Amino acid sequence: MGTRQISLSVNDVPIEIDYFVQGFIDHVMGGILVSLEGTGEIKTLDVSIEGDEVRINLNGAVVPINPFVNKIIRNTVAGMVSSLKGVSEINSMRISIRR
């Protein structure tokens, strides 16, 4: 897979993530994007979640998603992140991936 940089913040607080969690987040987000039409290889990915709204920026372009996809992504990411040490209530999340 090569070199990757993955960062996560919850409620504007950076969350320290180890190698396993970085790889897990990378693969989950990659799987989500592969399932969306019109997406390609991830070079840069920024996912922000504010409340119930998900915004995806892939390689500098906004990826449009419908309400159903928005809900699935939000719930998947929230479920994954809520299990991490130091995370309690989630109001906002940001995931950044650089490959």
PDB file of N, CA and C in Angstrom:
ATOM      1  N   MET A   1       0.816  -1.189   0.000  1.00  0.00           N
ATOM      2  CA  MET A   1       0.000   0.000   0.000  1.00  0.00           C
ATOM      3  C   MET A   1       0.857   1.249   0.000  1.00  0.00           C
ATOM      4  N   GLY A   2       2.071   1.192   0.484  1.00  0.00           N
ATOM      5  CA  GLY A   2       2.931   2.361   0.486  1.00  0.00           C
ATOM      6  C   GLY A   2       2.730   3.208   1.726  1.00  0.00           C
ATOM      7  N   THR A   3       3.304   4.391   1.669  1.00  0.00           N
ATOM      8  CA  THR A   3       3.224   5.308   2.794  1.00  0.00           C
ATOM      9  C   THR A   3       1.857   5.961   2.841  1.00  0.00           C
ATOM     10  N   ARG A   4       1.335   6.067   4.039  1.00  0.00           N
ATOM     11  CA  ARG A   4       0.054   6.737   4.222  1.00  0.00           C
ATOM     12  C   ARG A   4       0.093   7.543   5.506  1.00  0.00           C
ATOM     13  N   GLN A   5      -0.674   8.608   5.510  1.00  0.00           N
ATOM     14  CA  GLN A   5      -0.829   9.421   6.711  1.00  0.00           C
ATOM     15  C   GLN A   5      -2.315   9.499   7.000  1.00  0.00           C
ATOM     16  N   ILE A   6      -2.688   9.135   8.209  1.00  0.00           N
ATOM     17  CA  ILE A   6      -4.090   9.144   8.586  1.00  0.00           C
ATOM     18  C   ILE A   6      -4.223   9.899   9.894  1.00  0.00           C
ATOM     19  N   SER A   7      -5.142  10.852   9.896  1.00  0.00           N
ATOM     20  CA  SER A   7      -5.398  11.582  11.131  1.00  0.00           C
ATOM     21  C   SER A   7      -6.891  11.573  11.416  1.00  0.00           C
ATOM     22  N   LEU A   8      -7.199  11.648  12.697  1.00  0.00           N
ATOM     23  CA  LEU A   8      -8.580  11.611  13.158  1.00  0.00           C
ATOM     24  C   LEU A   8      -8.745  12.641  14.261  1.00  0.00           C
ATOM     25  N   SER A   9      -9.815  13.406  14.183  1.00  0.00           N
ATOM     26  CA  SER A   9     -10.172  14.268  15.303  1.00  0.00           C
ATOM     27  C   SER A   9     -11.657  14.102  15.583  1.00  0.00           C
ATOM     28  N   VAL A  10     -11.994  14.179  16.857  1.00  0.00           N
ATOM     29  CA  VAL A  10     -13.378  14.074  17.305  1.00  0.00           C
ATOM     30  C   VAL A  10     -13.661  15.296  18.156  1.00  0.00           C
ATOM     31  N   ASN A  11     -14.723  16.015  17.817  1.00  0.00           N
ATOM     32  CA  ASN A  11     -15.080  17.250  18.518  1.00  0.00           C
ATOM     33  C   ASN A  11     -13.892  18.211  18.557  1.00  0.00           C
ATOM     34  N   ASP A  12     -13.169  18.292  17.441  1.00  0.00           N
ATOM     35  CA  ASP A  12     -11.999  19.160  17.254  1.00  0.00           C
ATOM     36  C   ASP A  12     -10.814  18.796  18.142  1.00  0.00           C
ATOM     37  N   VAL A  13     -10.804  17.586  18.699  1.00  0.00           N
ATOM     38  CA  VAL A  13      -9.689  17.104  19.511  1.00  0.00           C
ATOM     39  C   VAL A  13      -9.001  15.976  18.744  1.00  0.00           C
ATOM     40  N   PRO A  14      -7.694  16.127  18.459  1.00  0.00           N
ATOM     41  CA  PRO A  14      -6.979  15.047  17.761  1.00  0.00           C
ATOM     42  C   PRO A  14      -6.978  13.768  18.604  1.00  0.00           C
ATOM     43  N   ILE A  15      -7.212  12.644  17.947  1.00  0.00           N
ATOM     44  CA  ILE A  15      -7.210  11.342  18.614  1.00  0.00           C
ATOM     45  C   ILE A  15      -5.968  10.588  18.153  1.00  0.00           C
ATOM     46  N   GLU A  16      -5.191  10.130  19.117  1.00  0.00           N
ATOM     47  CA  GLU A  16      -3.993   9.357  18.787  1.00  0.00           C
ATOM     48  C   GLU A  16      -4.423   7.955  18.363  1.00  0.00           C
ATOM     49  N   ILE A  17      -3.956   7.537  17.187  1.00  0.00           N
ATOM     50  CA  ILE A  17      -4.326   6.216  16.679  1.00  0.00           C
ATOM     51  C   ILE A  17      -3.064   5.442  16.313  1.00  0.00           C
ATOM     52  N   ASP A  18      -3.055   4.157  16.676  1.00  0.00           N
ATOM     53  CA  ASP A  18      -1.887   3.328  16.394  1.00  0.00           C
ATOM     54  C   ASP A  18      -1.948   2.778  14.963  1.00  0.00           C
ATOM     55  N   TYR A  19      -0.947   2.009  14.611  1.00  0.00           N
ATOM     56  CA  TYR A  19      -0.813   1.486  13.247  1.00  0.00           C
ATOM     57  C   TYR A  19      -2.021   0.645  12.841  1.00  0.00           C
ATOM     58  N   PHE A  20      -2.492  -0.219  13.751  1.00  0.00           N
ATOM     59  CA  PHE A  20      -3.649  -1.061  13.444  1.00  0.00           C
ATOM     60  C   PHE A  20      -4.878  -0.213  13.134  1.00  0.00           C
ATOM     61  N   VAL A  21      -5.166   0.753  13.990  1.00  0.00           N
ATOM     62  CA  VAL A  21      -6.355   1.596  13.799  1.00  0.00           C
ATOM     63  C   VAL A  21      -6.217   2.425  12.526  1.00  0.00           C
ATOM     64  N   GLN A  22      -5.012   2.915  12.248  1.00  0.00           N
ATOM     65  CA  GLN A  22      -4.803   3.652  10.997  1.00  0.00           C
ATOM     66  C   GLN A  22      -5.148   2.776   9.796  1.00  0.00           C
ATOM     67  N   GLY A  23      -4.649   1.547   9.797  1.00  0.00           N
ATOM     68  CA  GLY A  23      -4.931   0.631   8.700  1.00  0.00           C
ATOM     69  C   GLY A  23      -6.406   0.291   8.605  1.00  0.00           C
ATOM     70  N   PHE A  24      -7.043   0.119   9.749  1.00  0.00           N
ATOM     71  CA  PHE A  24      -8.471  -0.205   9.772  1.00  0.00           C
ATOM     72  C   PHE A  24      -9.286   0.939   9.179  1.00  0.00           C
ATOM     73  N   ILE A  25      -9.013   2.161   9.632  1.00  0.00           N
ATOM     74  CA  ILE A  25      -9.717   3.334   9.102  1.00  0.00           C
ATOM     75  C   ILE A  25      -9.467   3.465   7.609  1.00  0.00           C
ATOM     76  N   ASP A  26      -8.218   3.294   7.197  1.00  0.00           N
ATOM     77  CA  ASP A  26      -7.859   3.401   5.782  1.00  0.00           C
ATOM     78  C   ASP A  26      -8.662   2.405   4.941  1.00  0.00           C
ATOM     79  N   HIS A  27      -8.739   1.157   5.386  1.00  0.00           N
ATOM     80  CA  HIS A  27      -9.445   0.127   4.623  1.00  0.00           C
ATOM     81  C   HIS A  27     -10.962   0.331   4.636  1.00  0.00           C
ATOM     82  N   VAL A  28     -11.510   0.720   5.770  1.00  0.00           N
ATOM     83  CA  VAL A  28     -12.955   0.964   5.832  1.00  0.00           C
ATOM     84  C   VAL A  28     -13.338   2.123   4.918  1.00  0.00           C
ATOM     85  N   MET A  29     -12.595   3.223   4.995  1.00  0.00           N
ATOM     86  CA  MET A  29     -12.918   4.378   4.148  1.00  0.00           C
ATOM     87  C   MET A  29     -12.701   4.038   2.676  1.00  0.00           C
ATOM     88  N   GLY A  30     -11.652   3.281   2.380  1.00  0.00           N
ATOM     89  CA  GLY A  30     -11.420   2.850   0.999  1.00  0.00           C
ATOM     90  C   GLY A  30     -12.565   1.995   0.484  1.00  0.00           C
ATOM     91  N   GLY A  31     -13.072   1.090   1.320  1.00  0.00           N
ATOM     92  CA  GLY A  31     -14.200   0.248   0.941  1.00  0.00           C
ATOM     93  C   GLY A  31     -15.462   1.052   0.698  1.00  0.00           C
ATOM     94  N   ILE A  32     -15.680   2.052   1.524  1.00  0.00           N
ATOM     95  CA  ILE A  32     -16.842   2.924   1.329  1.00  0.00           C
ATOM     96  C   ILE A  32     -16.739   3.637  -0.011  1.00  0.00           C
ATOM     97  N   LEU A  33     -15.569   4.191  -0.301  1.00  0.00           N
ATOM     98  CA  LEU A  33     -15.424   4.966  -1.540  1.00  0.00           C
ATOM     99  C   LEU A  33     -15.510   4.096  -2.777  1.00  0.00           C
ATOM    100  N   VAL A  34     -14.981   2.879  -2.715  1.00  0.00           N
ATOM    101  CA  VAL A  34     -15.053   1.973  -3.865  1.00  0.00           C
ATOM    102  C   VAL A  34     -16.513   1.696  -4.226  1.00  0.00           C
ATOM    103  N   SER A  35     -17.382   1.677  -3.227  1.00  0.00           N
ATOM    104  CA  SER A  35     -18.789   1.367  -3.484  1.00  0.00           C
ATOM    105  C   SER A  35     -19.566   2.549  -4.067  1.00  0.00           C
ATOM    106  N   LEU A  36     -18.981   3.734  -4.065  1.00  0.00           N
ATOM    107  CA  LEU A  36     -19.653   4.917  -4.615  1.00  0.00           C
ATOM    108  C   LEU A  36     -19.294   5.092  -6.081  1.00  0.00           C
ATOM    109  N   GLU A  37     -20.264   5.495  -6.877  1.00  0.00           N
ATOM    110  CA  GLU A  37     -20.027   5.722  -8.303  1.00  0.00           C
ATOM    111  C   GLU A  37     -19.128   6.935  -8.513  1.00  0.00           C
ATOM    112  N   GLY A  38     -18.268   6.837  -9.511  1.00  0.00           N
ATOM    113  CA  GLY A  38     -17.469   7.982  -9.924  1.00  0.00           C
ATOM    114  C   GLY A  38     -16.269   8.290  -9.060  1.00  0.00           C
ATOM    115  N   THR A  39     -15.915   7.382  -8.157  1.00  0.00           N
ATOM    116  CA  THR A  39     -14.726   7.617  -7.340  1.00  0.00           C
ATOM    117  C   THR A  39     -13.585   6.782  -7.892  1.00  0.00           C
ATOM    118  N   GLY A  40     -12.385   7.247  -7.656  1.00  0.00           N
ATOM    119  CA  GLY A  40     -11.210   6.528  -8.129  1.00  0.00           C
ATOM    120  C   GLY A  40     -10.258   6.274  -6.985  1.00  0.00           C
ATOM    121  N   GLU A  41      -9.008   6.184  -7.322  1.00  0.00           N
ATOM    122  CA  GLU A  41      -7.952   5.934  -6.346  1.00  0.00           C
ATOM    123  C   GLU A  41      -7.889   7.077  -5.335  1.00  0.00           C
ATOM    124  N   ILE A  42      -7.646   6.720  -4.085  1.00  0.00           N
ATOM    125  CA  ILE A  42      -7.505   7.731  -3.042  1.00  0.00           C
ATOM    126  C   ILE A  42      -6.068   8.227  -3.024  1.00  0.00           C
ATOM    127  N   LYS A  43      -5.899   9.505  -3.283  1.00  0.00           N
ATOM    128  CA  LYS A  43      -4.617  10.172  -3.055  1.00  0.00           C
ATOM    129  C   LYS A  43      -4.751  11.036  -1.813  1.00  0.00           C
ATOM    130  N   THR A  44      -5.841  11.815  -1.777  1.00  0.00           N
ATOM    131  CA  THR A  44      -6.185  12.580  -0.584  1.00  0.00           C
ATOM    132  C   THR A  44      -7.671  12.390  -0.317  1.00  0.00           C
ATOM    133  N   LEU A  45      -8.000  12.191   0.938  1.00  0.00           N
ATOM    134  CA  LEU A  45      -9.394  12.024   1.334  1.00  0.00           C
ATOM    135  C   LEU A  45      -9.620  12.785   2.625  1.00  0.00           C
ATOM    136  N   ASP A  46     -10.636  13.625   2.617  1.00  0.00           N
ATOM    137  CA  ASP A  46     -11.051  14.336   3.821  1.00  0.00           C
ATOM    138  C   ASP A  46     -12.533  14.074   4.025  1.00  0.00           C
ATOM    139  N   VAL A  47     -12.855  13.493   5.158  1.00  0.00           N
ATOM    140  CA  VAL A  47     -14.243  13.225   5.506  1.00  0.00           C
ATOM    141  C   VAL A  47     -14.546  14.020   6.762  1.00  0.00           C
ATOM    142  N   SER A  48     -15.580  14.834   6.698  1.00  0.00           N
ATOM    143  CA  SER A  48     -15.993  15.574   7.887  1.00  0.00           C
ATOM    144  C   SER A  48     -17.448  15.260   8.175  1.00  0.00           C
ATOM    145  N   ILE A  49     -17.723  15.085   9.445  1.00  0.00           N
ATOM    146  CA  ILE A  49     -19.075  14.792   9.896  1.00  0.00           C
ATOM    147  C   ILE A  49     -19.415  15.803  10.979  1.00  0.00           C
ATOM    148  N   GLU A  50     -20.455  16.561  10.734  1.00  0.00           N
ATOM    149  CA  GLU A  50     -20.969  17.539  11.699  1.00  0.00           C
ATOM    150  C   GLU A  50     -22.404  17.139  11.983  1.00  0.00           C
ATOM    151  N   GLY A  51     -22.675  16.685  13.198  1.00  0.00           N
ATOM    152  CA  GLY A  51     -24.021  16.205  13.504  1.00  0.00           C
ATOM    153  C   GLY A  51     -24.341  15.012  12.618  1.00  0.00           C
ATOM    154  N   ASP A  52     -25.367  15.152  11.792  1.00  0.00           N
ATOM    155  CA  ASP A  52     -25.755  14.061  10.894  1.00  0.00           C
ATOM    156  C   ASP A  52     -25.279  14.264   9.467  1.00  0.00           C
ATOM    157  N   GLU A  53     -24.568  15.351   9.197  1.00  0.00           N
ATOM    158  CA  GLU A  53     -24.152  15.665   7.825  1.00  0.00           C
ATOM    159  C   GLU A  53     -22.730  15.187   7.544  1.00  0.00           C
ATOM    160  N   VAL A  54     -22.581  14.421   6.465  1.00  0.00           N
ATOM    161  CA  VAL A  54     -21.283  13.903   6.030  1.00  0.00           C
ATOM    162  C   VAL A  54     -20.849  14.659   4.783  1.00  0.00           C
ATOM    163  N   ARG A  55     -19.592  15.107   4.780  1.00  0.00           N
ATOM    164  CA  ARG A  55     -19.003  15.730   3.591  1.00  0.00           C
ATOM    165  C   ARG A  55     -17.738  14.960   3.245  1.00  0.00           C
ATOM    166  N   ILE A  56     -17.630  14.595   1.967  1.00  0.00           N
ATOM    167  CA  ILE A  56     -16.473  13.838   1.490  1.00  0.00           C
ATOM    168  C   ILE A  56     -15.783  14.635   0.403  1.00  0.00           C
ATOM    169  N   ASN A  57     -14.474  14.832   0.581  1.00  0.00           N
ATOM    170  CA  ASN A  57     -13.655  15.487  -0.433  1.00  0.00           C
ATOM    171  C   ASN A  57     -12.572  14.486  -0.830  1.00  0.00           C
ATOM    172  N   LEU A  58     -12.637  14.018  -2.080  1.00  0.00           N
ATOM    173  CA  LEU A  58     -11.707  13.013  -2.582  1.00  0.00           C
ATOM    174  C   LEU A  58     -10.846  13.633  -3.667  1.00  0.00           C
ATOM    175  N   ASN A  59      -9.541  13.656  -3.434  1.00  0.00           N
ATOM    176  CA  ASN A  59      -8.583  14.187  -4.411  1.00  0.00           C
ATOM    177  C   ASN A  59      -8.960  15.598  -4.858  1.00  0.00           C
ATOM    178  N   GLY A  60      -9.440  16.405  -3.908  1.00  0.00           N
ATOM    179  CA  GLY A  60      -9.764  17.802  -4.192  1.00  0.00           C
ATOM    180  C   GLY A  60     -11.151  18.050  -4.742  1.00  0.00           C
ATOM    181  N   ALA A  61     -11.968  17.011  -4.871  1.00  0.00           N
ATOM    182  CA  ALA A  61     -13.323  17.172  -5.412  1.00  0.00           C
ATOM    183  C   ALA A  61     -14.356  16.652  -4.411  1.00  0.00           C
ATOM    184  N   VAL A  62     -15.454  17.374  -4.304  1.00  0.00           N
ATOM    185  CA  VAL A  62     -16.546  16.952  -3.430  1.00  0.00           C
ATOM    186  C   VAL A  62     -17.246  15.746  -4.052  1.00  0.00           C
ATOM    187  N   VAL A  63     -17.506  14.740  -3.229  1.00  0.00           N
ATOM    188  CA  VAL A  63     -18.223  13.542  -3.674  1.00  0.00           C
ATOM    189  C   VAL A  63     -19.680  13.690  -3.231  1.00  0.00           C
ATOM    190  N   PRO A  64     -20.604  13.773  -4.192  1.00  0.00           N
ATOM    191  CA  PRO A  64     -22.015  13.903  -3.812  1.00  0.00           C
ATOM    192  C   PRO A  64     -22.555  12.579  -3.267  1.00  0.00           C
ATOM    193  N   ILE A  65     -23.335  12.674  -2.197  1.00  0.00           N
ATOM    194  CA  ILE A  65     -23.965  11.479  -1.634  1.00  0.00           C
ATOM    195  C   ILE A  65     -25.419  11.797  -1.305  1.00  0.00           C
ATOM    196  N   ASN A  66     -26.257  10.784  -1.416  1.00  0.00           N
ATOM    197  CA  ASN A  66     -27.673  10.976  -1.100  1.00  0.00           C
ATOM    198  C   ASN A  66     -27.907  10.736   0.397  1.00  0.00           C
ATOM    199  N   PRO A  67     -29.097  11.047   0.908  1.00  0.00           N
ATOM    200  CA  PRO A  67     -29.361  10.901   2.345  1.00  0.00           C
ATOM    201  C   PRO A  67     -29.148   9.485   2.882  1.00  0.00           C
ATOM    202  N   PHE A  68     -29.484   8.463   2.098  1.00  0.00           N
ATOM    203  CA  PHE A  68     -29.297   7.083   2.538  1.00  0.00           C
ATOM    204  C   PHE A  68     -27.815   6.767   2.729  1.00  0.00           C
ATOM    205  N   VAL A  69     -27.006   7.117   1.738  1.00  0.00           N
ATOM    206  CA  VAL A  69     -25.558   6.883   1.811  1.00  0.00           C
ATOM    207  C   VAL A  69     -24.958   7.704   2.947  1.00  0.00           C
ATOM    208  N   ASN A  70     -25.417   8.939   3.110  1.00  0.00           N
ATOM    209  CA  ASN A  70     -24.970   9.806   4.197  1.00  0.00           C
ATOM    210  C   ASN A  70     -25.169   9.102   5.542  1.00  0.00           C
ATOM    211  N   LYS A  71     -26.348   8.533   5.739  1.00  0.00           N
ATOM    212  CA  LYS A  71     -26.669   7.884   7.017  1.00  0.00           C
ATOM    213  C   LYS A  71     -25.808   6.643   7.250  1.00  0.00           C
ATOM    214  N   ILE A  72     -25.620   5.829   6.219  1.00  0.00           N
ATOM    215  CA  ILE A  72     -24.788   4.626   6.366  1.00  0.00           C
ATOM    216  C   ILE A  72     -23.347   5.004   6.710  1.00  0.00           C
ATOM    217  N   ILE A  73     -22.795   5.982   6.000  1.00  0.00           N
ATOM    218  CA  ILE A  73     -21.410   6.394   6.263  1.00  0.00           C
ATOM    219  C   ILE A  73     -21.289   6.966   7.665  1.00  0.00           C
ATOM    220  N   ARG A  74     -22.208   7.830   8.045  1.00  0.00           N
ATOM    221  CA  ARG A  74     -22.147   8.460   9.362  1.00  0.00           C
ATOM    222  C   ARG A  74     -22.195   7.400  10.465  1.00  0.00           C
ATOM    223  N   ASN A  75     -23.126   6.464  10.353  1.00  0.00           N
ATOM    224  CA  ASN A  75     -23.266   5.442  11.384  1.00  0.00           C
ATOM    225  C   ASN A  75     -22.081   4.478  11.410  1.00  0.00           C
ATOM    226  N   THR A  76     -21.541   4.139  10.251  1.00  0.00           N
ATOM    227  CA  THR A  76     -20.371   3.253  10.185  1.00  0.00           C
ATOM    228  C   THR A  76     -19.163   3.907  10.840  1.00  0.00           C
ATOM    229  N   VAL A  77     -18.891   5.143  10.468  1.00  0.00           N
ATOM    230  CA  VAL A  77     -17.732   5.851  11.009  1.00  0.00           C
ATOM    231  C   VAL A  77     -17.917   6.107  12.503  1.00  0.00           C
ATOM    232  N   ALA A  78     -19.104   6.515  12.921  1.00  0.00           N
ATOM    233  CA  ALA A  78     -19.355   6.766  14.344  1.00  0.00           C
ATOM    234  C   ALA A  78     -19.182   5.485  15.155  1.00  0.00           C
ATOM    235  N   GLY A  79     -19.659   4.359  14.641  1.00  0.00           N
ATOM    236  CA  GLY A  79     -19.497   3.091  15.345  1.00  0.00           C
ATOM    237  C   GLY A  79     -18.039   2.704  15.504  1.00  0.00           C
ATOM    238  N   MET A  80     -17.275   2.927  14.459  1.00  0.00           N
ATOM    239  CA  MET A  80     -15.852   2.602  14.477  1.00  0.00           C
ATOM    240  C   MET A  80     -15.110   3.514  15.461  1.00  0.00           C
ATOM    241  N   VAL A  81     -15.368   4.797  15.386  1.00  0.00           N
ATOM    242  CA  VAL A  81     -14.633   5.783  16.180  1.00  0.00           C
ATOM    243  C   VAL A  81     -15.056   5.750  17.650  1.00  0.00           C
ATOM    244  N   SER A  82     -16.316   5.455  17.930  1.00  0.00           N
ATOM    245  CA  SER A  82     -16.798   5.473  19.318  1.00  0.00           C
ATOM    246  C   SER A  82     -16.118   4.416  20.182  1.00  0.00           C
ATOM    247  N   SER A  83     -15.515   3.417  19.564  1.00  0.00           N
ATOM    248  CA  SER A  83     -14.828   2.360  20.310  1.00  0.00           C
ATOM    249  C   SER A  83     -13.421   2.750  20.743  1.00  0.00           C
ATOM    250  N   LEU A  84     -12.915   3.863  20.242  1.00  0.00           N
ATOM    251  CA  LEU A  84     -11.533   4.246  20.521  1.00  0.00           C
ATOM    252  C   LEU A  84     -11.381   4.895  21.888  1.00  0.00           C
ATOM    253  N   LYS A  85     -10.226   4.681  22.485  1.00  0.00           N
ATOM    254  CA  LYS A  85      -9.893   5.266  23.777  1.00  0.00           C
ATOM    255  C   LYS A  85      -9.917   6.789  23.668  1.00  0.00           C
ATOM    256  N   GLY A  86     -10.546   7.434  24.631  1.00  0.00           N
ATOM    257  CA  GLY A  86     -10.593   8.892  24.656  1.00  0.00           C
ATOM    258  C   GLY A  86     -11.785   9.485  23.931  1.00  0.00           C
ATOM    259  N   VAL A  87     -12.627   8.632  23.354  1.00  0.00           N
ATOM    260  CA  VAL A  87     -13.797   9.128  22.628  1.00  0.00           C
ATOM    261  C   VAL A  87     -15.044   8.782  23.426  1.00  0.00           C
ATOM    262  N   SER A  88     -15.844   9.804  23.731  1.00  0.00           N
ATOM    263  CA  SER A  88     -17.125   9.545  24.395  1.00  0.00           C
ATOM    264  C   SER A  88     -18.231  10.048  23.474  1.00  0.00           C
ATOM    265  N   GLU A  89     -18.736  11.219  23.731  1.00  0.00           N
ATOM    266  CA  GLU A  89     -19.786  11.779  22.876  1.00  0.00           C
ATOM    267  C   GLU A  89     -19.178  12.299  21.574  1.00  0.00           C
ATOM    268  N   ILE A  90     -19.846  12.028  20.462  1.00  0.00           N
ATOM    269  CA  ILE A  90     -19.360  12.473  19.159  1.00  0.00           C
ATOM    270  C   ILE A  90     -20.331  13.488  18.574  1.00  0.00           C
ATOM    271  N   ASN A  91     -19.866  14.731  18.442  1.00  0.00           N
ATOM    272  CA  ASN A  91     -20.648  15.768  17.770  1.00  0.00           C
ATOM    273  C   ASN A  91     -20.104  16.032  16.375  1.00  0.00           C
ATOM    274  N   SER A  92     -18.792  15.909  16.252  1.00  0.00           N
ATOM    275  CA  SER A  92     -18.150  16.106  14.948  1.00  0.00           C
ATOM    276  C   SER A  92     -16.936  15.191  14.852  1.00  0.00           C
ATOM    277  N   MET A  93     -16.611  14.817  13.601  1.00  0.00           N
ATOM    278  CA  MET A  93     -15.442  13.971  13.341  1.00  0.00           C
ATOM    279  C   MET A  93     -14.788  14.441  12.059  1.00  0.00           C
ATOM    280  N   ARG A  94     -13.475  14.281  12.006  1.00  0.00           N
ATOM    281  CA  ARG A  94     -12.742  14.550  10.777  1.00  0.00           C
ATOM    282  C   ARG A  94     -11.717  13.437  10.588  1.00  0.00           C
ATOM    283  N   ILE A  95     -11.716  12.892   9.383  1.00  0.00           N
ATOM    284  CA  ILE A  95     -10.729  11.883   9.008  1.00  0.00           C
ATOM    285  C   ILE A  95      -9.990  12.410   7.795  1.00  0.00           C
ATOM    286  N   SER A  96      -8.676  12.345   7.858  1.00  0.00           N
ATOM    287  CA  SER A  96      -7.840  12.778   6.741  1.00  0.00           C
ATOM    288  C   SER A  96      -6.907  11.631   6.372  1.00  0.00           C
ATOM    289  N   ILE A  97      -6.886  11.298   5.080  1.00  0.00           N
ATOM    290  CA  ILE A  97      -6.007  10.237   4.583  1.00  0.00           C
ATOM    291  C   ILE A  97      -5.176  10.800   3.441  1.00  0.00           C
ATOM    292  N   ARG A  98      -3.867  10.599   3.523  1.00  0.00           N
ATOM    293  CA  ARG A  98      -2.939  11.001   2.461  1.00  0.00           C
ATOM    294  C   ARG A  98      -2.132   9.782   2.079  1.00  0.00           C
ATOM    295  N   ARG A  99      -2.130   9.465   0.793  1.00  0.00           N
ATOM    296  CA  ARG A  99      -1.353   8.316   0.316  1.00  0.00           C
ATOM    297  C   ARG A  99      -0.294   8.794  -0.637  1.00  0.00           C
TER     298      ARG A  99
END
